[in-house]
């Protein structure tokens, strides 16, 4: 395993439950709680449908393909909130710089739009 490059990504993992069959009664008002109490409703993006389950984030060594870290969370946790748990120390050290660059880029794009660009 090298320390040059890690690839990190998150994906949704659907719980194997039928959400249409949940009971709506005194113990489960609105039928919102399923048999898997750790799973939650989540969404990967505005373009994708919601799901009931978990999010799994993993970091893989780019050279060897070996999985170096894995984190599982309820489906309602944002991917970005899982990143610190699976990213390597070098990637975490660059976060302040990346945040600053992203803010500068957003300001540049918004300024260009105000002047008729994009």
Protein backbone atom coordinates (compact mmCIF):
# COMPACT_ATOMS: atom_id res chain seq x y z
CA UNK A 1 0.00 0.00 0.00
CA UNK A 2 1.45 3.33 -1.03
CA UNK A 3 0.82 6.73 0.48
CA UNK A 4 0.67 8.52 -2.87
CA UNK A 5 -3.01 8.45 -3.80
CA UNK A 6 -6.19 7.15 -2.22
CA UNK A 7 -9.56 7.13 -3.92
CA UNK A 8 -12.55 7.85 -1.69
CA UNK A 9 -16.23 7.45 -2.55
CA UNK A 10 -19.57 6.78 -0.91
CA UNK A 11 -22.56 4.80 -2.12
CA UNK A 12 -26.04 4.01 -0.90
CA UNK A 13 -26.90 0.57 0.45
CA UNK A 14 -30.61 -0.13 0.50
CA UNK A 15 -32.02 -1.95 3.52
CA UNK A 16 -33.86 -5.15 2.63
CA UNK A 17 -37.23 -4.08 3.98
CA UNK A 18 -40.55 -3.41 2.30
CA UNK A 19 -41.40 0.17 3.30
CA UNK A 20 -44.90 -0.20 1.85
CA UNK A 21 -45.84 -2.78 4.50
CA UNK A 22 -44.97 -0.74 7.61
CA UNK A 23 -47.81 -0.49 10.06
CA UNK A 24 -49.37 2.85 10.89
CA UNK A 25 -50.55 2.32 14.47
CA UNK A 26 -50.08 3.65 18.02
CA UNK A 27 -46.61 2.13 18.28
CA UNK A 28 -45.53 3.49 14.88
CA UNK A 29 -47.41 6.73 14.13
CA UNK A 30 -47.36 7.55 10.43
CA UNK A 31 -45.66 4.24 9.67
CA UNK A 32 -42.27 5.98 9.65
CA UNK A 33 -40.21 3.47 11.62
CA UNK A 34 -39.27 0.24 9.91
CA UNK A 35 -37.95 -3.05 11.25
CA UNK A 36 -34.36 -1.83 10.82
CA UNK A 37 -34.11 0.99 13.35
CA UNK A 38 -30.57 1.99 12.29
CA UNK A 39 -31.48 2.59 8.64
CA UNK A 40 -32.80 6.00 7.58
CA UNK A 41 -34.23 7.61 4.46
CA UNK A 42 -31.54 9.31 2.43
CA UNK A 43 -30.70 10.72 -0.97
CA UNK A 44 -27.43 10.75 -2.92
CA UNK A 45 -28.35 13.83 -4.97
CA UNK A 46 -31.29 15.82 -6.27
CA UNK A 47 -31.10 13.81 -9.50
CA UNK A 48 -31.46 10.41 -7.81
CA UNK A 49 -34.46 8.95 -5.99
CA UNK A 50 -34.49 8.66 -2.21
CA UNK A 51 -33.77 5.33 -0.57
CA UNK A 52 -34.16 3.65 2.82
CA UNK A 53 -30.92 2.24 4.17
CA UNK A 54 -27.33 3.21 4.75
CA UNK A 55 -24.39 5.04 3.20
CA UNK A 56 -21.07 3.25 2.88
CA UNK A 57 -17.90 5.26 2.31
CA UNK A 58 -14.60 3.63 1.45
CA UNK A 59 -11.05 4.65 0.70
CA UNK A 60 -8.96 2.55 -1.69
CA UNK A 61 -5.23 2.67 -2.37
CA UNK A 62 -4.98 3.72 -6.04
CA UNK A 63 -1.86 1.64 -6.77
CA UNK A 64 -2.83 -1.69 -5.22
CA UNK A 65 -6.64 -1.48 -5.13
CA UNK A 66 -6.62 -2.48 -1.46
CA UNK A 67 -9.45 -1.05 0.64
CA UNK A 68 -7.81 0.93 3.44
CA UNK A 69 -10.83 2.36 5.32
CA UNK A 70 -14.60 1.78 5.40
CA UNK A 71 -17.34 3.69 7.23
CA UNK A 72 -21.07 2.89 7.37
CA UNK A 73 -23.71 5.42 8.46
CA UNK A 74 -27.50 5.82 8.25
CA UNK A 75 -28.78 6.90 4.83
CA UNK A 76 -29.53 10.46 5.96
CA UNK A 77 -25.84 11.27 6.60
CA UNK A 78 -24.25 13.45 3.90
CA UNK A 79 -21.35 11.96 1.95
CA UNK A 80 -19.14 14.92 2.85
CA UNK A 81 -19.71 14.23 6.57
CA UNK A 82 -18.28 10.73 6.10
CA UNK A 83 -15.16 11.93 4.26
CA UNK A 84 -13.04 12.70 7.37
CA UNK A 85 -13.62 9.16 8.63
CA UNK A 86 -12.26 7.48 5.48
CA UNK A 87 -9.76 9.99 4.06
CA UNK A 88 -6.08 9.61 4.72
CA UNK A 89 -4.18 12.17 6.80
CA UNK A 90 -2.63 13.86 3.74
CA UNK A 91 -6.05 14.46 2.19
CA UNK A 92 -7.39 15.89 5.44
CA UNK A 93 -4.43 18.27 5.63
CA UNK A 94 -5.41 19.76 2.24
CA UNK A 95 -9.05 20.45 3.19
CA UNK A 96 -8.52 24.08 4.30
CA UNK A 97 -6.74 24.86 1.01
CA UNK A 98 -9.45 23.09 -1.05
CA UNK A 99 -12.16 24.95 0.84
CA UNK A 100 -10.48 28.27 0.13
CA UNK A 101 -10.07 27.43 -3.58
CA UNK A 102 -13.70 26.34 -3.88
CA UNK A 103 -14.93 29.57 -2.25
CA UNK A 104 -12.76 31.62 -4.61
CA UNK A 105 -14.08 29.69 -7.61
CA UNK A 106 -17.70 30.16 -6.52
CA UNK A 107 -17.13 33.91 -6.05
CA UNK A 108 -15.53 34.09 -9.50
CA UNK A 109 -18.45 32.25 -11.13
CA UNK A 110 -21.06 34.37 -9.33
CA UNK A 111 -19.21 37.56 -10.31
CA UNK A 112 -19.05 36.43 -13.93
CA UNK A 113 -22.79 35.64 -13.94
CA UNK A 114 -23.59 39.11 -12.57
CA UNK A 115 -21.73 40.62 -15.54
CA UNK A 116 -23.52 38.52 -18.17
CA UNK A 117 -21.19 35.54 -18.38
CA UNK A 118 -22.06 31.83 -18.20
